[in-house]
Amino acid sequence: MSYIYKNITGLSAQKLLSANDYKAYLTSINLANTHETDIAYVDLYITRTYDSTSEERLFVGDNNNWNALETTTETYYIINSLAIPSRVSVLLEKDELKFDYTLYDLYIKLDASDSAVDVIINIEEEINSQTEY
């Protein structure tokens, strides 16, 4: 197992993991609101970007006009606007974190410029035949 630690603040979306960063799977993510008084509203989501040459786009052409295709990003929310009270933590476990880590980037976004959330990501690096995920 290995851990990734991040201090997240502000309004900008921040990438937690990039596709293919780890040949592993997530076992948990802990989100801790570190603000003294305010609720933190948290989005945790995955994205995948396609371009017009991607094999996955074979059947998406606009009347077979492949020049019409541009870069497209798919976004899927794991949690959306989750309200975490001040000084409270939320633990997401592996059942909530199932996605293809080789294809999707993992992002976090807070709703206020003074929000502050600590993130601890637990990664299982070795997958064996007896591991369920």
Protein backbone atom coordinates (compact mmCIF):
# COMPACT_ATOMS: atom_id res chain seq x y z
CA MET A 1 0.00 0.00 0.00
CA SER A 2 1.01 3.56 -0.56
CA TYR A 3 -0.53 6.88 0.34
CA ILE A 4 -0.88 10.23 -1.39
CA TYR A 5 -1.46 13.32 0.75
CA LYS A 6 -2.90 16.58 -0.64
CA ASN A 7 -3.96 19.88 0.91
CA ILE A 8 -6.72 21.30 -1.31
CA THR A 9 -7.86 24.92 -1.13
CA GLY A 10 -9.68 27.39 -3.34
CA LEU A 11 -12.07 27.14 -6.26
CA SER A 12 -9.92 25.55 -8.96
CA ALA A 13 -10.34 21.91 -9.86
CA GLN A 14 -7.22 19.95 -8.96
CA LYS A 15 -6.09 16.66 -10.42
CA LEU A 16 -5.51 14.01 -7.76
CA LEU A 17 -4.49 11.15 -10.06
CA SER A 18 -3.71 10.92 -13.76
CA ALA A 19 -4.70 7.97 -15.90
CA ASN A 20 -1.94 5.35 -15.86
CA ASP A 21 -0.15 6.98 -12.90
CA TYR A 22 -0.49 3.77 -10.94
CA LYS A 23 -0.79 0.14 -11.92
CA ALA A 24 -3.11 -0.36 -9.00
CA TYR A 25 -6.50 0.49 -7.59
CA LEU A 26 -7.82 2.83 -4.94
CA THR A 27 -8.80 1.28 -1.64
CA SER A 28 -9.95 4.51 0.04
CA ILE A 29 -10.01 8.28 -0.05
CA ASN A 30 -10.38 10.31 3.13
CA LEU A 31 -11.68 13.89 2.76
CA ALA A 32 -11.26 16.06 5.87
CA ASN A 33 -12.71 19.57 6.09
CA THR A 34 -10.00 21.54 7.88
CA HIS A 35 -11.81 24.88 7.94
CA GLU A 36 -12.56 26.10 11.46
CA THR A 37 -16.21 27.08 10.87
CA ASP A 38 -17.45 26.65 7.27
CA ILE A 39 -19.01 23.69 5.49
CA ALA A 40 -16.97 22.50 2.50
CA TYR A 41 -18.93 21.44 -0.59
CA VAL A 42 -16.85 18.90 -2.47
CA ASP A 43 -17.00 17.47 -5.98
CA LEU A 44 -14.96 14.35 -6.71
CA TYR A 45 -15.10 13.23 -10.32
CA ILE A 46 -13.33 11.42 -13.13
CA THR A 47 -12.70 12.68 -16.66
CA ARG A 48 -11.60 11.17 -19.92
CA THR A 49 -10.61 13.13 -23.00
CA TYR A 50 -11.07 11.91 -26.57
CA ASP A 51 -9.85 13.44 -29.77
CA SER A 52 -10.98 12.92 -33.34
CA THR A 53 -8.41 10.18 -33.94
CA SER A 54 -9.39 8.06 -30.95
CA GLU A 55 -10.50 4.50 -31.70
CA GLU A 56 -13.45 4.93 -29.33
CA ARG A 57 -14.86 7.55 -31.72
CA LEU A 58 -15.33 5.10 -34.60
CA PHE A 59 -19.11 5.39 -34.56
CA VAL A 60 -19.43 9.02 -33.51
CA GLY A 61 -18.63 10.80 -36.79
CA ASP A 62 -21.03 13.51 -37.92
CA ASN A 63 -22.33 11.97 -41.17
CA ASN A 64 -18.89 10.41 -41.61
CA ASN A 65 -17.28 13.86 -41.46
CA TRP A 66 -14.38 13.16 -39.12
CA ASN A 67 -13.13 16.74 -39.48
CA ALA A 68 -16.21 17.83 -37.51
CA LEU A 69 -15.00 15.94 -34.45
CA GLU A 70 -12.96 17.83 -31.93
CA THR A 71 -11.61 17.05 -28.50
CA THR A 72 -14.35 15.93 -26.13
CA THR A 73 -14.13 15.42 -22.38
CA GLU A 74 -16.46 13.09 -20.50
CA THR A 75 -17.05 13.84 -16.81
CA TYR A 76 -18.57 11.43 -14.28
CA TYR A 77 -19.17 12.45 -10.66
CA ILE A 78 -18.31 10.14 -7.78
CA ILE A 79 -19.65 12.75 -5.36
CA ASN A 80 -21.31 16.04 -6.32
CA SER A 81 -21.61 18.95 -3.89
CA LEU A 82 -21.12 16.77 -0.83
CA ALA A 83 -21.48 18.99 2.26
CA ILE A 84 -18.73 18.18 4.75
CA PRO A 85 -19.20 20.08 8.03
CA SER A 86 -16.30 21.90 9.63
CA ARG A 87 -13.71 19.57 11.19
CA VAL A 88 -15.44 16.42 9.87
CA SER A 89 -13.98 13.67 7.66
CA VAL A 90 -15.64 11.49 5.04
CA LEU A 91 -14.19 8.13 4.03
CA LEU A 92 -14.89 6.71 0.57
CA GLU A 93 -13.99 3.05 0.24
CA LYS A 94 -13.15 0.89 -2.75
CA ASP A 95 -16.78 0.16 -3.68
CA GLU A 96 -17.36 3.90 -4.23
CA LEU A 97 -14.10 4.29 -6.15
CA LYS A 98 -14.42 1.74 -8.93
CA PHE A 99 -13.43 3.09 -12.32
CA ASP A 100 -10.85 2.26 -14.97
CA TYR A 101 -7.68 3.91 -13.62
CA THR A 102 -5.92 3.45 -16.96
CA LEU A 103 -8.42 5.69 -18.77
CA TYR A 104 -9.69 8.32 -16.33
CA ASP A 105 -8.13 11.19 -14.37
CA LEU A 106 -9.43 11.84 -10.84
CA TYR A 107 -10.25 15.44 -9.83
CA ILE A 108 -11.47 17.31 -6.78
CA LYS A 109 -13.13 20.73 -6.70
CA LEU A 110 -14.29 22.86 -3.77
CA ASP A 111 -17.05 25.46 -3.91
CA ALA A 112 -15.49 28.42 -2.07
CA SER A 113 -12.18 30.23 -2.23
CA ASP A 114 -11.62 29.85 1.53
CA SER A 115 -12.54 26.13 1.66
CA ALA A 116 -9.82 23.76 2.83
CA VAL A 117 -9.87 19.96 2.59
CA ASP A 118 -7.10 17.49 3.31
CA VAL A 119 -7.11 14.40 1.09
CA ILE A 120 -5.49 11.06 1.88
CA ILE A 121 -5.57 8.52 -0.93
CA ASN A 122 -4.80 4.88 -0.16
CA ILE A 123 -3.54 2.91 -3.15
CA GLU A 124 -3.13 -0.85 -3.31
CA GLU A 125 -0.19 -1.33 -5.65
CA GLU A 126 -0.20 -5.07 -6.10
CA ILE A 127 -3.27 -6.81 -7.38
CA ASN A 128 -3.33 -10.55 -6.91
CA SER A 129 -5.88 -13.12 -8.03
CA GLN A 130 -7.57 -13.17 -4.62
CA THR A 131 -8.19 -9.43 -4.43
CA GLU A 132 -11.79 -8.34 -4.98
CA TYR A 133 -12.46 -5.00 -6.59
